[in-house]
Protein backbone atom coordinates (compact mmCIF):
# COMPACT_ATOMS: atom_id res chain seq x y z
CA UNK A 1 -2.75 22.29 34.74
CA UNK A 2 -3.43 19.14 36.77
CA UNK A 3 -7.14 19.98 36.97
CA UNK A 4 -7.42 20.04 33.17
CA UNK A 5 -4.86 17.34 32.30
CA UNK A 6 -4.36 15.05 35.32
CA UNK A 7 -1.79 12.93 33.45
CA UNK A 8 0.32 15.97 32.49
CA UNK A 9 3.98 15.73 33.46
CA UNK A 10 7.43 15.78 31.91
CA UNK A 11 9.96 13.26 33.19
CA UNK A 12 13.64 14.27 33.16
CA UNK A 13 15.98 11.33 33.75
CA UNK A 14 19.75 10.91 33.92
CA UNK A 15 20.81 7.33 33.12
CA UNK A 16 24.55 7.58 32.61
CA UNK A 17 25.36 4.81 35.10
CA UNK A 18 22.11 3.18 36.23
CA UNK A 19 20.39 2.60 32.89
CA UNK A 20 17.63 0.42 34.39
CA UNK A 21 16.41 3.09 36.82
CA UNK A 22 18.23 6.42 36.95
CA UNK A 23 21.07 8.37 38.56
CA UNK A 24 18.95 11.51 38.90
CA UNK A 25 15.37 12.47 38.15
CA UNK A 26 13.09 15.49 38.03
CA UNK A 27 9.38 14.62 37.92
CA UNK A 28 8.02 17.87 36.48
CA UNK A 29 4.32 18.56 37.05
CA UNK A 30 4.25 22.35 36.93
CA UNK A 31 3.11 24.89 34.34
CA UNK A 32 4.84 25.10 30.98
CA UNK A 33 6.95 28.13 31.90
CA UNK A 34 8.37 26.44 34.98
CA UNK A 35 8.72 23.18 33.05
CA UNK A 36 10.90 24.96 30.51
CA UNK A 37 13.17 26.37 33.24
CA UNK A 38 13.47 23.09 35.13
CA UNK A 39 14.27 21.06 32.01
CA UNK A 40 17.04 23.48 31.06
CA UNK A 41 18.35 23.40 34.64
CA UNK A 42 18.47 19.58 34.44
CA UNK A 43 20.42 19.82 31.16
CA UNK A 44 22.89 22.31 32.66
CA UNK A 45 23.39 20.07 35.67
CA UNK A 46 24.32 16.97 33.67
CA UNK A 47 25.73 18.04 30.29
CA UNK A 48 29.03 19.73 29.44
CA UNK A 49 29.00 23.27 28.10
CA UNK A 50 31.17 24.19 25.15
CA UNK A 51 31.71 27.86 24.50
CA UNK A 52 32.09 28.78 20.84
CA UNK A 53 33.30 31.98 19.23
CA UNK A 54 30.87 33.12 16.53
CA UNK A 55 32.32 36.21 14.94
CA UNK A 56 33.55 38.13 17.96
CA UNK A 57 30.83 36.84 20.30
CA UNK A 58 31.20 33.92 22.72
CA UNK A 59 28.11 31.71 22.74
CA UNK A 60 27.11 28.55 24.58
CA UNK A 61 26.50 25.72 22.10
CA UNK A 62 24.75 23.66 24.77
CA UNK A 63 22.26 26.45 25.45
CA UNK A 64 21.47 27.03 21.78
CA UNK A 65 20.85 23.35 21.03
CA UNK A 66 18.91 22.38 24.13
CA UNK A 67 16.75 25.50 24.26
CA UNK A 68 15.41 24.28 20.93
CA UNK A 69 15.07 20.68 22.13
CA UNK A 70 13.20 21.67 25.31
CA UNK A 71 10.98 24.19 23.51
CA UNK A 72 10.07 21.54 20.94
CA UNK A 73 9.22 19.04 23.69
CA UNK A 74 6.77 21.50 25.23
CA UNK A 75 5.44 23.47 22.27
CA UNK A 76 4.74 20.71 19.74
CA UNK A 77 3.55 18.01 22.11
CA UNK A 78 0.08 16.46 22.02
CA UNK A 79 -1.08 17.24 25.57
CA UNK A 80 -4.38 15.35 25.40
CA UNK A 81 -2.58 11.99 25.23
CA UNK A 82 -1.34 10.30 28.41
CA UNK A 83 1.88 9.07 26.79
CA UNK A 84 4.67 10.27 29.13
CA UNK A 85 6.89 13.02 27.73
CA UNK A 86 10.50 12.28 28.65
CA UNK A 87 13.94 13.81 28.42
CA UNK A 88 16.57 11.15 29.11
CA UNK A 89 20.31 11.70 29.39
CA UNK A 90 22.31 8.57 28.62
CA UNK A 91 26.09 8.11 28.66
CA UNK A 92 26.69 10.00 25.42
CA UNK A 93 23.29 10.97 24.03
CA UNK A 94 20.13 12.86 25.05
CA UNK A 95 16.76 11.52 23.87
CA UNK A 96 13.39 13.27 24.10
CA UNK A 97 10.07 11.57 23.32
CA UNK A 98 6.54 12.93 23.33
CA UNK A 99 3.19 12.04 21.79
CA UNK A 100 2.56 13.82 18.53
CA UNK A 101 0.11 14.49 15.73
CA UNK A 102 2.37 13.67 12.77
CA UNK A 103 2.24 15.45 9.43
CA UNK A 104 4.65 12.88 7.97
CA UNK A 105 6.35 9.67 9.08
CA UNK A 106 10.10 9.46 8.95
CA UNK A 107 13.26 11.38 9.64
CA UNK A 108 13.23 15.18 9.48
CA UNK A 109 16.19 16.95 7.90
CA UNK A 110 16.46 20.53 6.60
CA UNK A 111 15.90 19.31 3.03
CA UNK A 112 12.43 17.87 3.76
CA UNK A 113 11.40 20.25 6.54
CA UNK A 114 7.80 21.45 6.22
CA UNK A 115 6.98 23.25 9.48
CA UNK A 116 3.43 23.01 10.84
CA UNK A 117 2.11 24.78 13.96
CA UNK A 118 0.87 21.97 16.24
CA UNK A 119 0.04 24.19 19.21
CA UNK A 120 0.01 27.69 17.68
CA UNK A 121 -1.17 29.45 20.87
CA UNK A 122 1.70 27.99 22.93
CA UNK A 123 4.14 28.63 20.08
CA UNK A 124 3.11 32.31 19.87
CA UNK A 125 3.43 32.66 23.65
CA UNK A 126 6.96 31.21 23.57
CA UNK A 127 7.78 33.51 20.68
CA UNK A 128 6.69 36.55 22.70
CA UNK A 129 9.07 35.41 25.45
CA UNK A 130 11.84 35.10 22.82
CA UNK A 131 12.18 31.39 23.64
CA UNK A 132 11.50 30.35 20.04
CA UNK A 133 11.82 32.08 16.69
CA UNK A 134 9.97 31.44 13.44
CA UNK A 135 8.58 27.98 12.76
CA UNK A 136 11.29 25.55 11.63
CA UNK A 137 14.21 27.64 12.89
CA UNK A 138 14.84 25.18 15.74
CA UNK A 139 15.54 22.29 13.38
CA UNK A 140 17.93 24.40 11.32
CA UNK A 141 19.76 25.55 14.48
CA UNK A 142 20.18 21.98 15.70
CA UNK A 143 21.63 20.92 12.36
CA UNK A 144 23.96 23.93 12.40
CA UNK A 145 25.29 23.64 15.95
CA UNK A 146 25.24 19.89 16.76
CA UNK A 147 28.29 19.21 14.52
CA UNK A 148 30.09 21.94 16.51
CA UNK A 149 29.01 20.59 19.90
CA UNK A 150 30.31 17.11 18.95
CA UNK A 151 32.43 16.90 15.80
CA UNK A 152 30.47 15.66 12.78
CA UNK A 153 27.41 14.66 14.84
CA UNK A 154 23.91 15.47 13.60
CA UNK A 155 20.59 15.50 15.42
CA UNK A 156 18.24 12.60 14.74
CA UNK A 157 14.67 13.91 14.52
CA UNK A 158 11.96 11.32 13.92
CA UNK A 159 8.32 12.24 13.23
CA UNK A 160 5.59 9.73 13.98
CA UNK A 161 2.96 9.14 16.63
CA UNK A 162 5.94 9.48 18.96
CA UNK A 163 8.13 12.48 18.15
CA UNK A 164 11.74 11.69 19.05
CA UNK A 165 14.90 13.79 19.09
CA UNK A 166 18.34 12.32 19.77
CA UNK A 167 21.31 14.63 20.39
CA UNK A 168 24.83 13.33 20.90
CA UNK A 169 26.80 15.23 23.57
CA UNK A 170 29.93 13.07 23.90
CA UNK A 171 32.05 11.76 21.06
CA UNK A 172 31.95 8.04 20.35
CA UNK A 173 34.89 6.12 18.97
CA UNK A 174 33.54 6.13 15.43
CA UNK A 175 36.65 4.68 13.89
CA UNK A 176 36.46 1.59 16.11
CA UNK A 177 32.75 1.21 15.34
CA UNK A 178 33.38 1.62 11.63
CA UNK A 179 36.14 -0.98 11.67
CA UNK A 180 33.95 -3.42 13.60
CA UNK A 181 30.94 -3.02 11.32
CA UNK A 182 33.05 -3.01 8.20
CA UNK A 183 34.57 -6.32 9.25
CA UNK A 184 31.10 -7.76 9.91
CA UNK A 185 29.67 -6.71 6.57
CA UNK A 186 32.57 -6.36 4.17
CA UNK A 187 33.02 -10.05 3.46
CA UNK A 188 29.33 -10.84 3.15
CA UNK A 189 28.10 -8.29 0.63
CA UNK A 190 29.40 -8.48 -2.90
CA UNK A 191 28.02 -5.14 -4.04
CA UNK A 192 28.64 -2.46 -1.42
CA UNK A 193 26.80 0.13 -3.48
CA UNK A 194 23.52 -1.69 -2.90
CA UNK A 195 23.63 -1.69 0.88
CA UNK A 196 24.90 1.90 1.00
CA UNK A 197 21.96 2.90 -1.19
CA UNK A 198 19.49 0.99 1.00
CA UNK A 199 20.81 2.79 4.08
CA UNK A 200 20.65 6.09 2.21
CA UNK A 201 17.02 5.58 1.19
CA UNK A 202 16.03 4.58 4.73
CA UNK A 203 17.95 7.47 6.28
CA UNK A 204 15.16 9.91 5.38
CA UNK A 205 12.03 7.77 5.46
CA UNK A 206 10.89 4.26 6.41
CA UNK A 207 10.24 2.17 3.28
CA UNK A 208 8.73 -1.22 2.51
CA UNK A 209 10.53 -3.87 0.44
CA UNK A 210 8.48 -2.95 -2.60
CA UNK A 211 9.20 0.75 -2.14
CA UNK A 212 12.92 -0.02 -1.92
CA UNK A 213 12.66 -2.09 -5.10
CA UNK A 214 11.05 0.90 -6.85
CA UNK A 215 13.97 3.08 -5.75
CA UNK A 216 16.28 0.68 -7.60
CA UNK A 217 14.03 0.64 -10.67
CA UNK A 218 12.84 -2.92 -10.03
CA UNK A 219 9.26 -4.01 -10.74
CA UNK A 220 9.63 -6.79 -8.18
CA UNK A 221 11.98 -7.30 -5.24
CA UNK A 222 15.10 -9.02 -6.59
CA UNK A 223 16.80 -11.84 -4.73
CA UNK A 224 19.91 -9.73 -4.27
CA UNK A 225 17.92 -6.89 -2.71
CA UNK A 226 16.12 -9.35 -0.40
CA UNK A 227 19.46 -10.78 0.74
CA UNK A 228 20.82 -7.27 1.29
CA UNK A 229 17.82 -6.32 3.43
CA UNK A 230 18.10 -9.60 5.36
CA UNK A 231 21.80 -9.03 6.06
CA UNK A 232 21.28 -5.43 7.20
CA UNK A 233 18.43 -6.61 9.45
CA UNK A 234 20.47 -9.45 10.96
CA UNK A 235 23.31 -7.03 11.70
CA UNK A 236 20.84 -4.69 13.45
CA UNK A 237 21.41 -1.81 11.03
CA UNK A 238 17.73 -1.74 10.10
CA UNK A 239 14.59 -2.76 11.97
CA UNK A 240 10.85 -3.00 11.52
CA UNK A 241 8.86 0.22 11.73
CA UNK A 242 6.01 -1.77 13.31
CA UNK A 243 7.84 -3.73 15.97
CA UNK A 244 6.92 -7.39 16.66
CA UNK A 245 4.59 -7.57 13.63
CA UNK A 246 6.85 -8.57 10.73
CA UNK A 247 3.93 -9.55 8.48
CA UNK A 248 1.86 -6.42 9.04
CA UNK A 249 0.46 -5.25 5.66
CA UNK A 250 1.88 -1.74 6.26
CA UNK A 251 5.26 -2.99 7.45
CA UNK A 252 8.32 -0.94 6.55
CA UNK A 253 12.00 -0.78 7.50
CA UNK A 254 13.87 2.03 9.23
CA UNK A 255 17.45 2.59 10.37
CA UNK A 256 18.48 1.67 13.89
CA UNK A 257 20.83 3.97 15.84
CA UNK A 258 23.61 1.53 14.91
CA UNK A 259 22.57 1.84 11.27
CA UNK A 260 22.63 5.63 11.45
CA UNK A 261 26.12 5.56 12.97
CA UNK A 262 27.37 3.18 10.28
CA UNK A 263 25.78 5.22 7.49
CA UNK A 264 27.50 8.37 8.79
CA UNK A 265 30.82 6.49 8.83
CA UNK A 266 30.64 5.17 5.30
CA UNK A 267 29.38 8.44 3.84
CA UNK A 268 32.26 10.30 5.50
CA UNK A 269 34.66 7.84 3.87
CA UNK A 270 33.12 8.41 0.43
CA UNK A 271 33.14 12.23 0.58
């Protein structure tokens, strides 16, 4: 592998305590089969397992979720690019990142899932080993089992030049976060429906100001919508898609992790 792709490696990091460097690391520079085994071993070493009874069969939720995460990191990655592929375990979340040839830009959910084979030869090989199933099944499994692994949590899957998956493995104090954010925003926005709708529109796909205005049936961006966007940005619920270039002609907004958490809180309250 090194002779063909000298930059090829997958970096597994545990940053639960030392977030600047790491608590543990596996610098993986072996073939894809061994990479798969070592990544799963790293997951088993650092993440809790939660056995679940499905019908009359006991299954490991951790194994189901992270087999899909690891397979995705290896099967759908763009190997010709030197961007480092990483699996990082933080205090309560696991994040994978790898270079990608995107077919869309934005968040992937079952409703907008359009599977494409990015490395069909590798995918078929993994399928023969029974490490993956049909195309797209991994996303559906993650959305099915993540809320069981951690109550009400959902995977965050973002397609772009960098393909990113975030999986929560420990419960956060959502009520405290919701109270804190509600206090920050509740007194400043007159029309809560507007900011909930903005978060909803950005939950699936990054959008520009003009695209958001179109969602609200506006020909031009209204002052109220501009103020709403400004407030959400200042409170770090949304951010620029193209970082550090606010005036880029293709600039759009996307949700931050804080914004995703807040959106999940307020939608739960309105169910």
